[in-house]
Amino acid sequence: METNPKTILLFDGVCNLCNNAVQYVIKRDKDDLYRYAALQSDIGRKLTSERHIDTSQVDSIILIEPGVAYYTKSAAALKIAKSFGGIWGLVAILEWIPDSISNKVYDFVARNRYRWYGKKDNCMIPTPELKAKFLD
């Protein structure tokens, strides 16, 4: 068991856009900040239930900082992007956009993600090299 809990990124495990986003985060997570789980997994359902997150309203990406807070929609995406450092720090400017506006854009993409990017029949299965980064 890790003494310093990692930030948990929950994602729609059957969504091609979400799976590609997770792969993108993994490649840029040089400090090993994150652990991952599909929203459809037992641990994903447990974590959302514990936080009373309605997955019929938020069903794409949720970021959980254990013992601190959780973030959804555009707030989660911005927090993840800022963690990459470097030029990604510029996304902080987008935090000035009111959530009511940025979440409308986020929701528009989320509503259309299956049509635009496709959907898998099953959740992504991590490669053996990445297995340790995924929660069971």
N, C-alpha and C. Protein backbone atom coordinates (compact mmCIF):
# COMPACT_ATOMS: atom_id res chain seq x y z
N MET A 1 0.84 -1.19 0.00
CA MET A 1 0.00 0.00 0.00
C MET A 1 0.88 1.25 0.00
N GLU A 2 0.53 2.21 -0.82
CA GLU A 2 1.32 3.43 -0.92
C GLU A 2 1.03 4.34 0.27
N THR A 3 2.07 4.93 0.84
CA THR A 3 1.89 5.84 1.96
C THR A 3 1.46 7.22 1.49
N ASN A 4 1.82 7.57 0.29
CA ASN A 4 1.44 8.85 -0.29
C ASN A 4 0.44 8.57 -1.41
N PRO A 5 -0.87 8.67 -1.12
CA PRO A 5 -1.84 8.30 -2.14
C PRO A 5 -1.72 9.17 -3.39
N LYS A 6 -1.90 8.54 -4.51
CA LYS A 6 -1.82 9.23 -5.79
C LYS A 6 -3.16 9.86 -6.12
N THR A 7 -3.13 10.84 -6.98
CA THR A 7 -4.35 11.42 -7.52
C THR A 7 -4.94 10.38 -8.48
N ILE A 8 -6.24 10.21 -8.43
CA ILE A 8 -6.91 9.18 -9.22
C ILE A 8 -7.67 9.83 -10.36
N LEU A 9 -7.43 9.32 -11.55
CA LEU A 9 -8.14 9.79 -12.74
C LEU A 9 -9.13 8.70 -13.13
N LEU A 10 -10.41 8.98 -12.96
CA LEU A 10 -11.46 8.07 -13.42
C LEU A 10 -11.88 8.51 -14.81
N PHE A 11 -12.10 7.53 -15.68
CA PHE A 11 -12.43 7.85 -17.06
C PHE A 11 -13.43 6.85 -17.61
N ASP A 12 -14.10 7.24 -18.68
CA ASP A 12 -15.04 6.35 -19.36
C ASP A 12 -14.22 5.31 -20.11
N GLY A 13 -14.23 4.09 -19.61
CA GLY A 13 -13.37 3.03 -20.14
C GLY A 13 -13.73 2.54 -21.53
N VAL A 14 -14.93 2.87 -22.02
CA VAL A 14 -15.30 2.41 -23.36
C VAL A 14 -15.19 3.52 -24.40
N CYS A 15 -14.87 4.72 -23.96
CA CYS A 15 -14.78 5.87 -24.86
C CYS A 15 -13.38 5.97 -25.46
N ASN A 16 -13.31 5.99 -26.79
CA ASN A 16 -12.01 6.11 -27.46
C ASN A 16 -11.32 7.43 -27.13
N LEU A 17 -12.06 8.54 -27.07
CA LEU A 17 -11.46 9.83 -26.73
C LEU A 17 -10.88 9.77 -25.31
N CYS A 18 -11.63 9.22 -24.37
CA CYS A 18 -11.16 9.14 -22.98
C CYS A 18 -9.94 8.24 -22.86
N ASN A 19 -9.96 7.10 -23.55
CA ASN A 19 -8.82 6.19 -23.53
C ASN A 19 -7.58 6.86 -24.12
N ASN A 20 -7.75 7.59 -25.20
CA ASN A 20 -6.62 8.31 -25.80
C ASN A 20 -6.12 9.40 -24.86
N ALA A 21 -7.03 10.07 -24.17
CA ALA A 21 -6.63 11.10 -23.22
C ALA A 21 -5.82 10.50 -22.08
N VAL A 22 -6.24 9.33 -21.59
CA VAL A 22 -5.50 8.66 -20.52
C VAL A 22 -4.10 8.28 -21.00
N GLN A 23 -3.99 7.77 -22.21
CA GLN A 23 -2.68 7.43 -22.76
C GLN A 23 -1.80 8.68 -22.86
N TYR A 24 -2.41 9.79 -23.24
CA TYR A 24 -1.70 11.07 -23.34
C TYR A 24 -1.18 11.50 -21.96
N VAL A 25 -2.04 11.38 -20.95
CA VAL A 25 -1.63 11.74 -19.58
C VAL A 25 -0.51 10.84 -19.10
N ILE A 26 -0.64 9.54 -19.32
CA ILE A 26 0.39 8.58 -18.88
C ILE A 26 1.75 8.96 -19.45
N LYS A 27 1.80 9.32 -20.73
CA LYS A 27 3.07 9.68 -21.37
C LYS A 27 3.69 10.93 -20.77
N ARG A 28 2.86 11.83 -20.25
CA ARG A 28 3.35 13.10 -19.72
C ARG A 28 3.46 13.12 -18.20
N ASP A 29 3.06 12.04 -17.55
CA ASP A 29 3.08 11.96 -16.08
C ASP A 29 4.47 11.54 -15.60
N LYS A 30 5.43 12.43 -15.82
CA LYS A 30 6.84 12.12 -15.49
C LYS A 30 7.07 11.93 -14.00
N ASP A 31 6.25 12.55 -13.16
CA ASP A 31 6.42 12.45 -11.71
C ASP A 31 5.55 11.35 -11.09
N ASP A 32 4.91 10.54 -11.92
CA ASP A 32 4.07 9.43 -11.45
C ASP A 32 3.02 9.93 -10.45
N LEU A 33 2.28 10.96 -10.83
CA LEU A 33 1.28 11.57 -9.95
C LEU A 33 -0.04 10.81 -9.92
N TYR A 34 -0.34 10.07 -10.99
CA TYR A 34 -1.70 9.55 -11.17
C TYR A 34 -1.80 8.03 -11.11
N ARG A 35 -2.99 7.60 -10.71
CA ARG A 35 -3.45 6.22 -10.87
C ARG A 35 -4.76 6.32 -11.63
N TYR A 36 -5.13 5.26 -12.31
CA TYR A 36 -6.24 5.30 -13.26
C TYR A 36 -7.24 4.18 -12.99
N ALA A 37 -8.50 4.47 -13.28
CA ALA A 37 -9.54 3.44 -13.20
C ALA A 37 -10.71 3.86 -14.08
N ALA A 38 -11.32 2.88 -14.70
CA ALA A 38 -12.51 3.15 -15.51
C ALA A 38 -13.69 3.43 -14.59
N LEU A 39 -14.54 4.35 -14.99
CA LEU A 39 -15.75 4.63 -14.23
C LEU A 39 -16.61 3.37 -14.09
N GLN A 40 -16.54 2.50 -15.09
CA GLN A 40 -17.37 1.29 -15.10
C GLN A 40 -16.82 0.19 -14.20
N SER A 41 -15.60 0.34 -13.72
CA SER A 41 -14.99 -0.69 -12.88
C SER A 41 -15.57 -0.66 -11.47
N ASP A 42 -15.35 -1.72 -10.72
CA ASP A 42 -15.82 -1.77 -9.33
C ASP A 42 -15.24 -0.61 -8.52
N ILE A 43 -13.95 -0.36 -8.67
CA ILE A 43 -13.32 0.73 -7.91
C ILE A 43 -13.84 2.08 -8.37
N GLY A 44 -14.08 2.23 -9.66
CA GLY A 44 -14.64 3.48 -10.17
C GLY A 44 -16.01 3.75 -9.60
N ARG A 45 -16.86 2.73 -9.58
CA ARG A 45 -18.21 2.88 -9.00
C ARG A 45 -18.13 3.16 -7.51
N LYS A 46 -17.20 2.50 -6.81
CA LYS A 46 -17.04 2.72 -5.37
C LYS A 46 -16.61 4.16 -5.08
N LEU A 47 -15.61 4.64 -5.81
CA LEU A 47 -15.09 5.98 -5.58
C LEU A 47 -16.13 7.06 -5.89
N THR A 48 -16.90 6.88 -6.94
CA THR A 48 -17.94 7.88 -7.26
C THR A 48 -19.08 7.81 -6.25
N SER A 49 -19.43 6.62 -5.83
CA SER A 49 -20.49 6.46 -4.84
C SER A 49 -20.11 7.10 -3.51
N GLU A 50 -18.88 6.88 -3.07
CA GLU A 50 -18.40 7.46 -1.81
C GLU A 50 -18.47 8.98 -1.83
N ARG A 51 -18.32 9.57 -2.99
CA ARG A 51 -18.32 11.02 -3.12
C ARG A 51 -19.67 11.56 -3.61
N HIS A 52 -20.63 10.68 -3.74
CA HIS A 52 -21.99 11.05 -4.17
C HIS A 52 -21.96 11.76 -5.53
N ILE A 53 -21.12 11.24 -6.43
CA ILE A 53 -21.03 11.79 -7.78
C ILE A 53 -22.04 11.06 -8.65
N ASP A 54 -22.92 11.80 -9.28
CA ASP A 54 -23.93 11.24 -10.16
C ASP A 54 -23.31 11.01 -11.54
N THR A 55 -22.99 9.76 -11.84
CA THR A 55 -22.32 9.47 -13.11
C THR A 55 -23.25 9.58 -14.32
N SER A 56 -24.53 9.83 -14.07
CA SER A 56 -25.40 10.13 -15.22
C SER A 56 -25.21 11.59 -15.64
N GLN A 57 -24.63 12.39 -14.75
CA GLN A 57 -24.33 13.80 -15.05
C GLN A 57 -22.86 14.03 -15.40
N VAL A 58 -21.99 13.22 -14.83
CA VAL A 58 -20.54 13.32 -15.07
C VAL A 58 -20.07 11.92 -15.44
N ASP A 59 -19.87 11.69 -16.72
CA ASP A 59 -19.57 10.32 -17.14
C ASP A 59 -18.34 10.21 -18.04
N SER A 60 -17.44 11.18 -17.96
CA SER A 60 -16.26 11.09 -18.81
C SER A 60 -14.97 11.12 -18.01
N ILE A 61 -14.65 12.21 -17.32
CA ILE A 61 -13.41 12.26 -16.54
C ILE A 61 -13.69 12.90 -15.18
N ILE A 62 -13.18 12.23 -14.15
CA ILE A 62 -13.27 12.74 -12.78
C ILE A 62 -11.87 12.60 -12.18
N LEU A 63 -11.40 13.64 -11.54
CA LEU A 63 -10.08 13.64 -10.91
C LEU A 63 -10.26 13.70 -9.40
N ILE A 64 -9.69 12.73 -8.69
CA ILE A 64 -9.85 12.65 -7.24
C ILE A 64 -8.49 12.80 -6.57
N GLU A 65 -8.39 13.79 -5.70
CA GLU A 65 -7.22 13.93 -4.84
C GLU A 65 -7.62 13.35 -3.49
N PRO A 66 -7.17 12.14 -3.16
CA PRO A 66 -7.62 11.49 -1.93
C PRO A 66 -7.43 12.36 -0.69
N GLY A 67 -8.50 12.45 0.08
CA GLY A 67 -8.46 13.23 1.30
C GLY A 67 -8.53 14.73 1.10
N VAL A 68 -8.61 15.18 -0.15
CA VAL A 68 -8.61 16.61 -0.43
C VAL A 68 -9.91 17.03 -1.12
N ALA A 69 -10.06 16.65 -2.37
CA ALA A 69 -11.19 17.10 -3.17
C ALA A 69 -11.31 16.24 -4.42
N TYR A 70 -12.37 16.49 -5.16
CA TYR A 70 -12.47 15.91 -6.50
C TYR A 70 -12.89 17.00 -7.47
N TYR A 71 -12.54 16.77 -8.74
CA TYR A 71 -12.81 17.74 -9.80
C TYR A 71 -13.50 17.01 -10.95
N THR A 72 -14.40 17.70 -11.60
CA THR A 72 -15.11 17.11 -12.72
C THR A 72 -15.04 18.05 -13.92
N LYS A 73 -15.38 17.49 -15.04
CA LYS A 73 -15.53 18.24 -16.29
C LYS A 73 -14.30 19.11 -16.59
N SER A 74 -14.53 20.38 -16.92
CA SER A 74 -13.42 21.24 -17.36
C SER A 74 -12.41 21.48 -16.24
N ALA A 75 -12.85 21.53 -14.99
CA ALA A 75 -11.92 21.73 -13.87
C ALA A 75 -10.93 20.57 -13.78
N ALA A 76 -11.41 19.35 -13.99
CA ALA A 76 -10.53 18.17 -13.97
C ALA A 76 -9.54 18.24 -15.13
N ALA A 77 -10.02 18.54 -16.31
CA ALA A 77 -9.15 18.60 -17.49
C ALA A 77 -8.06 19.66 -17.33
N LEU A 78 -8.43 20.82 -16.81
CA LEU A 78 -7.44 21.90 -16.62
C LEU A 78 -6.42 21.53 -15.55
N LYS A 79 -6.86 20.92 -14.47
CA LYS A 79 -5.95 20.53 -13.40
C LYS A 79 -4.94 19.49 -13.92
N ILE A 80 -5.41 18.56 -14.71
CA ILE A 80 -4.52 17.55 -15.29
C ILE A 80 -3.50 18.22 -16.22
N ALA A 81 -3.98 19.07 -17.11
CA ALA A 81 -3.08 19.74 -18.06
C ALA A 81 -2.02 20.57 -17.34
N LYS A 82 -2.41 21.29 -16.30
CA LYS A 82 -1.44 22.10 -15.56
C LYS A 82 -0.37 21.24 -14.90
N SER A 83 -0.71 20.01 -14.54
CA SER A 83 0.27 19.15 -13.86
C SER A 83 1.41 18.73 -14.77
N PHE A 84 1.26 18.89 -16.07
CA PHE A 84 2.32 18.52 -17.01
C PHE A 84 3.51 19.48 -16.93
N GLY A 85 3.26 20.69 -16.42
CA GLY A 85 4.32 21.68 -16.31
C GLY A 85 4.66 22.30 -17.66
N GLY A 86 5.72 23.05 -17.66
CA GLY A 86 6.18 23.69 -18.90
C GLY A 86 5.13 24.58 -19.52
N ILE A 87 5.03 24.52 -20.82
CA ILE A 87 4.10 25.35 -21.58
C ILE A 87 2.65 25.09 -21.17
N TRP A 88 2.39 23.90 -20.63
CA TRP A 88 1.04 23.55 -20.19
C TRP A 88 0.55 24.45 -19.07
N GLY A 89 1.46 25.10 -18.36
CA GLY A 89 1.07 26.03 -17.31
C GLY A 89 0.20 27.16 -17.82
N LEU A 90 0.29 27.43 -19.12
CA LEU A 90 -0.52 28.50 -19.72
C LEU A 90 -2.01 28.20 -19.69
N VAL A 91 -2.39 26.95 -19.53
CA VAL A 91 -3.82 26.63 -19.47
C VAL A 91 -4.48 27.26 -18.25
N ALA A 92 -3.67 27.71 -17.29
CA ALA A 92 -4.22 28.39 -16.10
C ALA A 92 -5.06 29.60 -16.51
N ILE A 93 -4.75 30.20 -17.64
CA ILE A 93 -5.53 31.33 -18.15
C ILE A 93 -6.99 30.92 -18.36
N LEU A 94 -7.20 29.67 -18.78
CA LEU A 94 -8.55 29.19 -19.04
C LEU A 94 -9.39 29.08 -17.77
N GLU A 95 -8.74 29.06 -16.62
CA GLU A 95 -9.48 29.01 -15.35
C GLU A 95 -10.25 30.31 -15.11
N TRP A 96 -9.93 31.36 -15.82
CA TRP A 96 -10.64 32.62 -15.68
C TRP A 96 -12.01 32.57 -16.36
N ILE A 97 -12.17 31.59 -17.24
CA ILE A 97 -13.47 31.42 -17.89
C ILE A 97 -14.42 30.81 -16.86
N PRO A 98 -15.59 31.39 -16.68
CA PRO A 98 -16.53 30.83 -15.70
C PRO A 98 -16.87 29.37 -16.01
N ASP A 99 -17.01 28.57 -14.93
CA ASP A 99 -17.34 27.15 -15.10
C ASP A 99 -18.60 26.96 -15.93
N SER A 100 -19.55 27.86 -15.80
CA SER A 100 -20.80 27.72 -16.55
C SER A 100 -20.54 27.72 -18.05
N ILE A 101 -19.53 28.43 -18.49
CA ILE A 101 -19.19 28.47 -19.93
C ILE A 101 -18.27 27.30 -20.30
N SER A 102 -17.19 27.12 -19.54
CA SER A 102 -16.25 26.04 -19.89
C SER A 102 -16.90 24.67 -19.78
N ASN A 103 -17.81 24.49 -18.83
CA ASN A 103 -18.50 23.20 -18.72
C ASN A 103 -19.50 22.97 -19.85
N LYS A 104 -20.05 24.04 -20.42
CA LYS A 104 -20.93 23.88 -21.59
C LYS A 104 -20.13 23.33 -22.77
N VAL A 105 -18.93 23.86 -22.96
CA VAL A 105 -18.06 23.36 -24.03
C VAL A 105 -17.68 21.90 -23.73
N TYR A 106 -17.28 21.65 -22.49
CA TYR A 106 -16.91 20.29 -22.09
C TYR A 106 -18.08 19.33 -22.31
N ASP A 107 -19.27 19.71 -21.87
CA ASP A 107 -20.46 18.86 -22.02
C ASP A 107 -20.79 18.60 -23.49
N PHE A 108 -20.59 19.60 -24.34
CA PHE A 108 -20.85 19.43 -25.77
C PHE A 108 -19.94 18.35 -26.35
N VAL A 109 -18.65 18.41 -26.01
CA VAL A 109 -17.71 17.39 -26.47
C VAL A 109 -18.08 16.03 -25.87
N ALA A 110 -18.36 16.01 -24.57
CA ALA A 110 -18.70 14.75 -23.90
C ALA A 110 -19.94 14.10 -24.51
N ARG A 111 -20.94 14.90 -24.84
CA ARG A 111 -22.17 14.36 -25.44
C ARG A 111 -21.93 13.74 -26.81
N ASN A 112 -20.95 14.27 -27.52
CA ASN A 112 -20.69 13.83 -28.89
C ASN A 112 -19.49 12.90 -29.03
N ARG A 113 -18.84 12.56 -27.94
CA ARG A 113 -17.57 11.84 -28.00
C ARG A 113 -17.71 10.47 -28.67
N TYR A 114 -18.77 9.76 -28.42
CA TYR A 114 -18.93 8.44 -29.05
C TYR A 114 -19.13 8.57 -30.56
N ARG A 115 -19.92 9.55 -30.97
CA ARG A 115 -20.17 9.76 -32.39
C ARG A 115 -18.90 10.19 -33.11
N TRP A 116 -18.13 11.08 -32.50
CA TRP A 116 -16.93 11.61 -33.14
C TRP A 116 -15.73 10.67 -33.05
N TYR A 117 -15.55 10.00 -31.93
CA TYR A 117 -14.33 9.21 -31.69
C TYR A 117 -14.58 7.72 -31.59
N GLY A 118 -15.83 7.31 -31.46
CA GLY A 118 -16.14 5.89 -31.36
C GLY A 118 -16.15 5.39 -29.93
N LYS A 119 -16.52 4.12 -29.84
CA LYS A 119 -16.72 3.49 -28.54
C LYS A 119 -16.27 2.05 -28.63
N LYS A 120 -15.66 1.55 -27.56
CA LYS A 120 -15.24 0.16 -27.49
C LYS A 120 -16.36 -0.68 -26.87
N ASP A 121 -16.31 -1.97 -27.08
CA ASP A 121 -17.29 -2.86 -26.45
C ASP A 121 -16.94 -3.11 -24.98
N ASN A 122 -15.65 -3.03 -24.67
CA ASN A 122 -15.16 -3.30 -23.32
C ASN A 122 -14.21 -2.21 -22.88
N CYS A 123 -13.98 -2.14 -21.57
CA CYS A 123 -13.01 -1.18 -21.05
C CYS A 123 -11.60 -1.55 -21.50
N MET A 124 -10.76 -0.54 -21.57
CA MET A 124 -9.37 -0.73 -21.96
C MET A 124 -8.67 -1.66 -20.96
N ILE A 125 -7.86 -2.55 -21.47
CA ILE A 125 -7.03 -3.41 -20.62
C ILE A 125 -5.61 -2.90 -20.75
N PRO A 126 -5.02 -2.45 -19.62
CA PRO A 126 -3.67 -1.89 -19.70
C PRO A 126 -2.63 -2.96 -20.05
N THR A 127 -1.59 -2.52 -20.70
CA THR A 127 -0.48 -3.43 -21.00
C THR A 127 0.18 -3.84 -19.69
N PRO A 128 0.93 -4.95 -19.70
CA PRO A 128 1.61 -5.37 -18.46
C PRO A 128 2.49 -4.27 -17.87
N GLU A 129 3.13 -3.46 -18.72
CA GLU A 129 3.99 -2.39 -18.24
C GLU A 129 3.20 -1.32 -17.49
N LEU A 130 1.95 -1.09 -17.91
CA LEU A 130 1.14 -0.03 -17.31
C LEU A 130 0.22 -0.54 -16.21
N LYS A 131 0.11 -1.83 -16.02
CA LYS A 131 -0.83 -2.43 -15.08
C LYS A 131 -0.73 -1.82 -13.68
N ALA A 132 0.45 -1.52 -13.20
CA ALA A 132 0.64 -0.98 -11.84
C ALA A 132 0.03 0.41 -11.69
N LYS A 133 -0.20 1.10 -12.79
CA LYS A 133 -0.79 2.44 -12.71
C LYS A 133 -2.31 2.41 -12.63
N PHE A 134 -2.91 1.24 -12.82
CA PHE A 134 -4.35 1.09 -12.82
C PHE A 134 -4.83 0.44 -11.53
N LEU A 135 -5.90 1.00 -10.98
CA LEU A 135 -6.46 0.46 -9.75
C LEU A 135 -7.35 -0.72 -10.07
N ASP A 136 -7.35 -1.70 -9.21
CA ASP A 136 -8.23 -2.87 -9.39
C ASP A 136 -9.53 -2.68 -8.67
